[in-house]
Amino acid sequence: MAQTCSACGGAGTIPSHLQPYGFKRNAGMGMDVCKSCNGTGKVRGAGNEEDARSSRPPKTLKVVWFFGLTAAFFAGVLQPLPTDWFINAVVGFVVFGALAGFMWEHVPYGRLILMIVALLILSLFGFAIYRAETGQLN
């Protein structure tokens, strides 16, 4: 259980004349959002689960980077567009990174689909490395 904020007394707002300088968010009728608790009325810190959850980076970013870099590698090597390899890699990174981020956040089974595809990509890389190390590649 989070403790109430000592600056605003748990209300989440504070009179405007008590925060005269700096960045302020208006809460109406001469009140501003409390800077200490950001309007939640609860103390920030390790005991507050919501703040601990919101301070972590989103997992979507990792998914976007993984699929974006993988697509950039494949698009740069395979060159699906009739342009330079660098342009192909940038387009592959942007398109597939955005697609992976959208699927992760908005498609109902998108996370499961992306996890399966990521497992297949990693197993493909592992199989190619194994074949190269054992001399079976060519």
C-alpha atoms as a PDB file:
ATOM      1  CA  MET A   1       0.000   0.000   0.000  1.00  0.00           C
ATOM      2  CA  ALA A   2       1.447   3.348  -1.023  1.00  0.00           C
ATOM      3  CA  GLN A   3       1.622   6.195   1.480  1.00  0.00           C
ATOM      4  CA  THR A   4      -0.045   9.532   0.818  1.00  0.00           C
ATOM      5  CA  CYS A   5       2.055  12.385  -0.546  1.00  0.00           C
ATOM      6  CA  SER A   6       3.278  14.759   2.146  1.00  0.00           C
ATOM      7  CA  ALA A   7       3.312  17.800  -0.167  1.00  0.00           C
ATOM      8  CA  CYS A   8      -0.354  17.671  -1.215  1.00  0.00           C
ATOM      9  CA  GLY A   9      -1.812  15.513   1.549  1.00  0.00           C
ATOM     10  CA  GLY A  10      -3.010  12.867  -0.909  1.00  0.00           C
ATOM     11  CA  ALA A  11      -5.160  15.246  -2.970  1.00  0.00           C
ATOM     12  CA  GLY A  12      -2.843  15.326  -5.991  1.00  0.00           C
ATOM     13  CA  THR A  13      -3.276  19.086  -6.347  1.00  0.00           C
ATOM     14  CA  ILE A  14      -1.661  22.014  -4.585  1.00  0.00           C
ATOM     15  CA  PRO A  15      -2.532  25.746  -4.589  1.00  0.00           C
ATOM     16  CA  SER A  16      -0.799  27.671  -7.367  1.00  0.00           C
ATOM     17  CA  HIS A  17       0.839  30.170  -5.019  1.00  0.00           C
ATOM     18  CA  LEU A  18       2.775  27.345  -3.310  1.00  0.00           C
ATOM     19  CA  GLN A  19       4.471  26.408  -6.615  1.00  0.00           C
ATOM     20  CA  PRO A  20       5.213  29.813  -8.135  1.00  0.00           C
ATOM     21  CA  TYR A  21       8.176  28.969 -10.370  1.00  0.00           C
ATOM     22  CA  GLY A  22       9.086  26.329 -12.925  1.00  0.00           C
ATOM     23  CA  PHE A  23       6.966  23.956 -14.939  1.00  0.00           C
ATOM     24  CA  LYS A  24       3.381  23.768 -13.713  1.00  0.00           C
ATOM     25  CA  ARG A  25       0.295  21.927 -14.879  1.00  0.00           C
ATOM     26  CA  ASN A  26      -2.966  23.672 -14.197  1.00  0.00           C
ATOM     27  CA  ALA A  27      -5.586  21.654 -12.327  1.00  0.00           C
ATOM     28  CA  GLY A  28      -8.222  24.405 -12.407  1.00  0.00           C
ATOM     29  CA  MET A  29      -9.453  27.084  -9.997  1.00  0.00           C
ATOM     30  CA  GLY A  30      -6.054  28.260  -8.754  1.00  0.00           C
ATOM     31  CA  MET A  31      -4.727  24.731  -8.253  1.00  0.00           C
ATOM     32  CA  ASP A  32      -1.779  22.974  -9.894  1.00  0.00           C
ATOM     33  CA  VAL A  33      -0.875  19.316 -10.175  1.00  0.00           C
ATOM     34  CA  CYS A  34       1.479  18.356  -7.347  1.00  0.00           C
ATOM     35  CA  LYS A  35       5.078  17.995  -8.539  1.00  0.00           C
ATOM     36  CA  SER A  36       5.966  15.523  -5.803  1.00  0.00           C
ATOM     37  CA  CYS A  37       3.420  12.855  -6.697  1.00  0.00           C
ATOM     38  CA  ASN A  38       2.502  13.944 -10.248  1.00  0.00           C
ATOM     39  CA  GLY A  39      -1.152  14.157  -9.272  1.00  0.00           C
ATOM     40  CA  THR A  40      -1.529  10.604  -7.950  1.00  0.00           C
ATOM     41  CA  GLY A  41      -1.614  11.575  -4.265  1.00  0.00           C
ATOM     42  CA  LYS A  42       0.772   8.722  -3.427  1.00  0.00           C
ATOM     43  CA  VAL A  43       4.464   8.805  -2.508  1.00  0.00           C
ATOM     44  CA  ARG A  44       6.826   7.908  -5.317  1.00  0.00           C
ATOM     45  CA  GLY A  45       9.466   5.327  -4.580  1.00  0.00           C
ATOM     46  CA  ALA A  46      10.354   1.667  -4.466  1.00  0.00           C
ATOM     47  CA  GLY A  47       7.199   0.760  -2.533  1.00  0.00           C
ATOM     48  CA  ASN A  48       4.879   2.093  -5.206  1.00  0.00           C
ATOM     49  CA  GLU A  49       4.265  -0.611  -7.807  1.00  0.00           C
ATOM     50  CA  GLU A  50       2.757   1.728 -10.377  1.00  0.00           C
ATOM     51  CA  ASP A  51       5.786   4.030 -10.452  1.00  0.00           C
ATOM     52  CA  ALA A  52       8.161   1.061 -10.589  1.00  0.00           C
ATOM     53  CA  ARG A  53       6.198  -0.299 -13.536  1.00  0.00           C
ATOM     54  CA  SER A  54       6.113   3.016 -15.382  1.00  0.00           C
ATOM     55  CA  SER A  55       9.848   3.690 -14.931  1.00  0.00           C
ATOM     56  CA  ARG A  56      10.863   0.521 -16.765  1.00  0.00           C
ATOM     57  CA  PRO A  57      11.491   0.799 -20.506  1.00  0.00           C
ATOM     58  CA  PRO A  58       8.748  -0.736 -22.632  1.00  0.00           C
ATOM     59  CA  LYS A  59       9.381  -4.174 -24.067  1.00  0.00           C
ATOM     60  CA  THR A  60       8.111  -2.962 -27.407  1.00  0.00           C
ATOM     61  CA  LEU A  61      11.408  -1.164 -27.952  1.00  0.00           C
ATOM     62  CA  LYS A  62      13.357  -4.437 -27.770  1.00  0.00           C
ATOM     63  CA  VAL A  63      10.968  -6.082 -30.210  1.00  0.00           C
ATOM     64  CA  VAL A  64      11.252  -3.193 -32.655  1.00  0.00           C
ATOM     65  CA  TRP A  65      15.051  -3.266 -32.537  1.00  0.00           C
ATOM     66  CA  PHE A  66      15.248  -7.063 -32.960  1.00  0.00           C
ATOM     67  CA  PHE A  67      12.901  -7.266 -35.935  1.00  0.00           C
ATOM     68  CA  GLY A  68      14.148  -4.003 -37.418  1.00  0.00           C
ATOM     69  CA  LEU A  69      17.799  -5.085 -37.371  1.00  0.00           C
ATOM     70  CA  THR A  70      16.960  -8.562 -38.632  1.00  0.00           C
ATOM     71  CA  ALA A  71      14.943  -7.107 -41.503  1.00  0.00           C
ATOM     72  CA  ALA A  72      17.705  -4.590 -42.223  1.00  0.00           C
ATOM     73  CA  PHE A  73      20.203  -7.437 -42.494  1.00  0.00           C
ATOM     74  CA  PHE A  74      18.031  -9.493 -44.829  1.00  0.00           C
ATOM     75  CA  ALA A  75      16.919  -6.501 -46.915  1.00  0.00           C
ATOM     76  CA  GLY A  76      20.497  -5.272 -47.234  1.00  0.00           C
ATOM     77  CA  VAL A  77      21.765  -8.679 -48.359  1.00  0.00           C
ATOM     78  CA  LEU A  78      18.857  -9.762 -50.572  1.00  0.00           C
ATOM     79  CA  GLN A  79      18.106  -6.274 -52.022  1.00  0.00           C
ATOM     80  CA  PRO A  80      14.364  -6.602 -52.746  1.00  0.00           C
ATOM     81  CA  LEU A  81      14.204  -3.044 -54.105  1.00  0.00           C
ATOM     82  CA  PRO A  82      16.244  -2.038 -57.174  1.00  0.00           C
ATOM     83  CA  THR A  83      18.348   0.422 -55.153  1.00  0.00           C
ATOM     84  CA  ASP A  84      21.533   0.469 -53.115  1.00  0.00           C
ATOM     85  CA  TRP A  85      21.974  -2.048 -50.258  1.00  0.00           C
ATOM     86  CA  PHE A  86      21.972   0.756 -47.668  1.00  0.00           C
ATOM     87  CA  ILE A  87      18.596   2.114 -48.832  1.00  0.00           C
ATOM     88  CA  ASN A  88      17.186  -1.415 -48.745  1.00  0.00           C
ATOM     89  CA  ALA A  89      18.478  -1.929 -45.211  1.00  0.00           C
ATOM     90  CA  VAL A  90      17.003   1.367 -43.957  1.00  0.00           C
ATOM     91  CA  VAL A  91      13.632   0.646 -45.557  1.00  0.00           C
ATOM     92  CA  GLY A  92      13.633  -2.884 -44.107  1.00  0.00           C
ATOM     93  CA  PHE A  93      14.476  -1.565 -40.641  1.00  0.00           C
ATOM     94  CA  VAL A  94      11.782   1.112 -40.678  1.00  0.00           C
ATOM     95  CA  VAL A  95       9.009  -0.989 -42.220  1.00  0.00           C
ATOM     96  CA  PHE A  96       9.493  -4.190 -40.245  1.00  0.00           C
ATOM     97  CA  GLY A  97      10.360  -2.402 -37.012  1.00  0.00           C
ATOM     98  CA  ALA A  98       7.137  -0.409 -37.239  1.00  0.00           C
ATOM     99  CA  LEU A  99       5.160  -3.511 -38.193  1.00  0.00           C
ATOM    100  CA  ALA A 100       6.578  -5.460 -35.241  1.00  0.00           C
ATOM    101  CA  GLY A 101       5.837  -2.614 -32.839  1.00  0.00           C
ATOM    102  CA  PHE A 102       2.278  -2.340 -34.120  1.00  0.00           C
ATOM    103  CA  MET A 103       1.710  -6.091 -33.866  1.00  0.00           C
ATOM    104  CA  TRP A 104       3.181  -6.217 -30.352  1.00  0.00           C
ATOM    105  CA  GLU A 105       0.848  -3.504 -29.064  1.00  0.00           C
ATOM    106  CA  HIS A 106      -2.367  -3.782 -31.079  1.00  0.00           C
ATOM    107  CA  VAL A 107      -2.868  -7.233 -32.642  1.00  0.00           C
ATOM    108  CA  PRO A 108      -4.612  -9.700 -30.276  1.00  0.00           C
ATOM    109  CA  TYR A 109      -2.216 -12.613 -30.850  1.00  0.00           C
ATOM    110  CA  GLY A 110       0.613 -10.412 -32.138  1.00  0.00           C
ATOM    111  CA  ARG A 111       2.942 -11.119 -29.233  1.00  0.00           C
ATOM    112  CA  LEU A 112       2.630 -14.870 -29.703  1.00  0.00           C
ATOM    113  CA  ILE A 113       3.147 -14.580 -33.453  1.00  0.00           C
ATOM    114  CA  LEU A 114       6.223 -12.374 -33.019  1.00  0.00           C
ATOM    115  CA  MET A 115       7.709 -14.715 -30.412  1.00  0.00           C
ATOM    116  CA  ILE A 116       7.300 -17.692 -32.739  1.00  0.00           C
ATOM    117  CA  VAL A 117       8.819 -15.772 -35.661  1.00  0.00           C
ATOM    118  CA  ALA A 118      11.728 -14.615 -33.456  1.00  0.00           C
ATOM    119  CA  LEU A 119      12.352 -18.219 -32.364  1.00  0.00           C
ATOM    120  CA  LEU A 120      12.353 -19.344 -35.991  1.00  0.00           C
ATOM    121  CA  ILE A 121      14.775 -16.553 -36.982  1.00  0.00           C
ATOM    122  CA  LEU A 122      17.158 -17.396 -34.127  1.00  0.00           C
ATOM    123  CA  SER A 123      17.017 -21.110 -34.965  1.00  0.00           C
ATOM    124  CA  LEU A 124      17.728 -20.266 -38.629  1.00  0.00           C
ATOM    125  CA  PHE A 125      20.804 -18.268 -37.593  1.00  0.00           C
ATOM    126  CA  GLY A 126      21.919 -21.065 -35.274  1.00  0.00           C
ATOM    127  CA  PHE A 127      21.467 -23.679 -38.004  1.00  0.00           C
ATOM    128  CA  ALA A 128      23.447 -21.566 -40.490  1.00  0.00           C
ATOM    129  CA  ILE A 129      26.267 -21.123 -37.960  1.00  0.00           C
ATOM    130  CA  TYR A 130      26.287 -24.855 -37.226  1.00  0.00           C
ATOM    131  CA  ARG A 131      26.450 -25.711 -40.941  1.00  0.00           C
ATOM    132  CA  ALA A 132      29.272 -23.207 -41.469  1.00  0.00           C
ATOM    133  CA  GLU A 133      31.298 -24.547 -38.521  1.00  0.00           C
ATOM    134  CA  THR A 134      30.984 -28.180 -39.568  1.00  0.00           C
ATOM    135  CA  GLY A 135      31.851 -27.435 -43.217  1.00  0.00           C
ATOM    136  CA  GLN A 136      28.479 -28.516 -44.596  1.00  0.00           C
ATOM    137  CA  LEU A 137      27.536 -25.129 -46.015  1.00  0.00           C
ATOM    138  CA  ASN A 138      28.936 -25.662 -49.534  1.00  0.00           C
END
